[in-house]
Every structure is written in C-alpha cells, then in structure tokens.
Protein backbone atom coordinates (compact mmCIF):
# COMPACT_ATOMS: atom_id res chain seq x y z
CA UNK A 1 -7.34 19.27 -95.73
CA UNK A 2 -5.25 16.83 -93.57
CA UNK A 3 -6.93 19.15 -90.31
CA UNK A 4 -10.19 17.73 -91.57
CA UNK A 5 -9.18 14.35 -92.22
CA UNK A 6 -7.55 13.94 -88.78
CA UNK A 7 -11.06 15.23 -87.42
CA UNK A 8 -12.81 12.61 -89.49
CA UNK A 9 -10.57 9.93 -88.33
CA UNK A 10 -10.64 10.93 -84.67
CA UNK A 11 -14.55 11.18 -85.03
CA UNK A 12 -14.51 7.35 -86.11
CA UNK A 13 -12.15 6.19 -83.76
CA UNK A 14 -14.11 8.02 -80.65
CA UNK A 15 -17.73 6.90 -82.04
CA UNK A 16 -16.31 3.19 -82.29
CA UNK A 17 -15.29 3.30 -78.67
CA UNK A 18 -18.43 4.94 -77.58
CA UNK A 19 -20.29 1.97 -79.32
CA UNK A 20 -18.01 -0.50 -77.66
CA UNK A 21 -18.72 0.88 -74.09
CA UNK A 22 -22.32 1.29 -74.27
CA UNK A 23 -23.17 -1.85 -76.11
CA UNK A 24 -22.55 -5.24 -74.71
CA UNK A 25 -24.10 -7.37 -77.58
CA UNK A 26 -23.02 -7.60 -80.91
CA UNK A 27 -20.26 -4.89 -80.42
CA UNK A 28 -18.89 -4.68 -83.78
CA UNK A 29 -21.99 -3.98 -85.88
CA UNK A 30 -23.38 -1.33 -82.98
CA UNK A 31 -19.72 0.33 -82.72
CA UNK A 32 -20.14 0.82 -86.69
CA UNK A 33 -23.08 2.50 -86.41
CA UNK A 34 -21.70 4.87 -83.75
CA UNK A 35 -18.72 5.39 -85.66
CA UNK A 36 -20.87 6.18 -88.52
CA UNK A 37 -22.78 8.71 -86.55
CA UNK A 38 -19.88 10.29 -85.18
CA UNK A 39 -18.10 10.74 -88.48
CA UNK A 40 -21.30 12.18 -90.08
CA UNK A 41 -21.91 14.61 -87.49
CA UNK A 42 -18.36 15.76 -87.64
CA UNK A 43 -18.54 16.14 -91.39
CA UNK A 44 -21.69 18.31 -91.17
CA UNK A 45 -20.19 20.30 -88.68
CA UNK A 46 -17.08 20.97 -90.81
CA UNK A 47 -19.54 21.93 -93.43
CA UNK A 48 -21.44 23.99 -91.78
CA UNK A 49 -18.27 26.01 -90.59
CA UNK A 50 -17.06 26.24 -93.94
CA UNK A 51 -20.23 27.57 -95.31
CA UNK A 52 -20.28 30.27 -92.62
CA UNK A 53 -16.87 31.31 -93.25
CA UNK A 54 -16.87 31.49 -96.82
CA UNK A 55 -20.26 33.27 -97.10
CA UNK A 56 -20.85 35.11 -93.82
CA UNK A 57 -24.34 36.23 -93.46
CA UNK A 58 -26.03 34.00 -96.30
CA UNK A 59 -27.07 30.92 -94.31
CA UNK A 60 -27.29 29.81 -90.71
CA UNK A 61 -24.80 26.97 -89.93
CA UNK A 62 -26.96 26.14 -86.90
CA UNK A 63 -29.87 25.14 -88.97
CA UNK A 64 -27.63 22.66 -90.76
CA UNK A 65 -26.28 21.38 -87.25
CA UNK A 66 -29.83 21.22 -85.85
CA UNK A 67 -30.57 18.51 -88.79
CA UNK A 68 -28.33 16.15 -86.83
CA UNK A 69 -30.98 15.85 -84.06
CA UNK A 70 -33.76 15.57 -86.58
CA UNK A 71 -31.67 12.61 -88.32
CA UNK A 72 -31.11 11.19 -84.83
CA UNK A 73 -35.02 10.91 -84.46
CA UNK A 74 -35.18 8.67 -87.50
CA UNK A 75 -32.71 6.24 -85.81
CA UNK A 76 -34.21 6.46 -82.45
CA UNK A 77 -37.69 5.26 -84.22
CA UNK A 78 -35.67 2.26 -84.85
CA UNK A 79 -33.96 1.83 -81.62
CA UNK A 80 -36.35 2.40 -78.96
CA UNK A 81 -39.30 0.15 -78.60
CA UNK A 82 -41.74 -1.09 -76.15
CA UNK A 83 -41.05 -4.95 -75.30
CA UNK A 84 -43.48 -7.71 -74.98
CA UNK A 85 -43.52 -7.30 -71.31
CA UNK A 86 -44.42 -3.49 -71.56
CA UNK A 87 -40.86 -2.42 -70.81
CA UNK A 88 -39.34 0.30 -73.05
CA UNK A 89 -36.24 -0.80 -74.72
CA UNK A 90 -33.31 0.74 -76.37
CA UNK A 91 -33.31 4.08 -74.39
CA UNK A 92 -29.67 3.62 -73.31
CA UNK A 93 -28.52 3.10 -76.71
CA UNK A 94 -30.51 6.25 -77.87
CA UNK A 95 -29.12 8.36 -75.24
CA UNK A 96 -25.33 6.92 -76.10
CA UNK A 97 -26.09 7.87 -79.87
CA UNK A 98 -27.36 11.24 -79.07
CA UNK A 99 -24.05 11.69 -76.98
CA UNK A 100 -21.89 10.34 -79.92
CA UNK A 101 -23.19 12.66 -82.49
CA UNK A 102 -22.74 15.49 -80.08
CA UNK A 103 -19.08 14.34 -79.74
CA UNK A 104 -19.05 14.26 -83.59
CA UNK A 105 -19.85 17.95 -83.61
CA UNK A 106 -17.46 18.91 -81.12
CA UNK A 107 -14.53 16.81 -82.90
CA UNK A 108 -15.76 18.62 -86.34
CA UNK A 109 -15.50 22.14 -84.49
CA UNK A 110 -11.98 21.32 -83.48
CA UNK A 111 -13.14 21.15 -79.71
CA UNK A 112 -10.65 18.37 -78.43
CA UNK A 113 -10.51 19.13 -74.84
CA UNK A 114 -14.45 19.26 -74.22
CA UNK A 115 -14.63 16.38 -76.46
CA UNK A 116 -12.07 14.24 -74.23
CA UNK A 117 -13.94 15.42 -71.06
CA UNK A 118 -17.17 14.04 -72.27
CA UNK A 119 -16.05 10.96 -73.68
CA UNK A 120 -14.16 10.40 -70.37
CA UNK A 121 -17.22 11.32 -68.22
CA UNK A 122 -19.57 8.96 -70.35
CA UNK A 123 -17.36 5.97 -70.02
CA UNK A 124 -16.69 6.61 -65.69
CA UNK A 125 -20.77 7.19 -65.56
CA UNK A 126 -21.20 3.94 -67.90
CA UNK A 127 -18.59 1.79 -65.80
CA UNK A 128 -20.08 3.02 -62.53
CA UNK A 129 -23.66 2.37 -63.26
CA UNK A 130 -22.75 -1.11 -64.34
CA UNK A 131 -20.40 -1.75 -61.25
CA UNK A 132 -23.45 -0.42 -59.01
CA UNK A 133 -25.84 -2.57 -61.24
CA UNK A 134 -23.78 -5.94 -60.43
CA UNK A 135 -23.42 -4.93 -56.70
CA UNK A 136 -26.96 -4.63 -55.97
CA UNK A 137 -27.68 -7.66 -58.18
CA UNK A 138 -25.16 -9.75 -56.24
CA UNK A 139 -26.23 -8.34 -52.68
CA UNK A 140 -29.90 -9.15 -53.72
CA UNK A 141 -28.77 -12.57 -54.41
CA UNK A 142 -27.16 -13.13 -51.17
CA UNK A 143 -29.84 -11.50 -49.37
CA UNK A 144 -32.52 -14.11 -51.03
CA UNK A 145 -30.24 -16.81 -50.27
CA UNK A 146 -30.80 -16.63 -46.71
CA UNK A 147 -34.54 -16.73 -46.73
CA UNK A 148 -36.78 -19.64 -46.37
CA UNK A 149 -39.27 -18.43 -48.90
CA UNK A 150 -37.38 -16.00 -51.63
CA UNK A 151 -39.67 -13.72 -53.73
CA UNK A 152 -40.51 -14.99 -56.90
C-alpha cells in the first residue's frame, strides 16, 4: 500500500512540475490539470497491473492502459483549436499532456529511471526551444533596427 501511495504522490509531483514547465500563463490551474492526468494514468496502470497479477489470462491490461489515450482525446478536443487568425493553438499543451500521461503510466509501473530520463529530456528540450526562440527573436529585432524600412 505504501508503495502505491508513494507512486501516486510521485506522479502528482511530476505532473505538477511538467505543467509548470510547459505552461507560462495561469501556471497553477494548468499544473493542477497536469498533476491530475499524471496521477490518473499512474492509478490506471497500477490497477491494470493488479488485475493482470491477480487473474492472469482473464483480461488484457493493455486495453485498460490504451483507454488513457482515448481519454486524452477528449481533453485534446478542448485544448487544440484554430484561432481567429487561422493558426492552430494548443498543440504544445496537448503534446505535454500526452507525455504527462505516459510519465504517469511509467511511475505506476515503477519505472523510475525511465521516468526521470523522460522528464529531464522534456525539460531540457523545452528550455532549449525557449532559449532558441528568444535568441532568434532578439536577433530579428536587432537586424530590423538597422534597416530604414523594416518589414511590417
């Protein structure tokens, strides 16, 4: 029982941190959603493993796990949209939520090393992409400052 509680607590913390990293606006609300997705995924995985261990051959735990992805589809429908300027919005959040669900399943399975590697890689990629975006934005502003007729 203590092992499961520890896994669920770890999933909540990991989900909350992934939400903080991936969303800059309204961090507490979105981080809570990320934590809920991570805990839910971990809980489903723990249940699936328990069913498989208690009654092998009766059910397929992979089917229960696959339902996490189906449930995410409903969340994604509310997250990804086309804005007034015809740009698709929310794809970064949807992708981060998918990773969060997978992290939850890994934590539920007790695969802490793989979880840590995935979370660290996510954080590094996210911070690098922000740094590159800001660097290029700053370069574009500096380049346009020297022009007589800047675009726009």
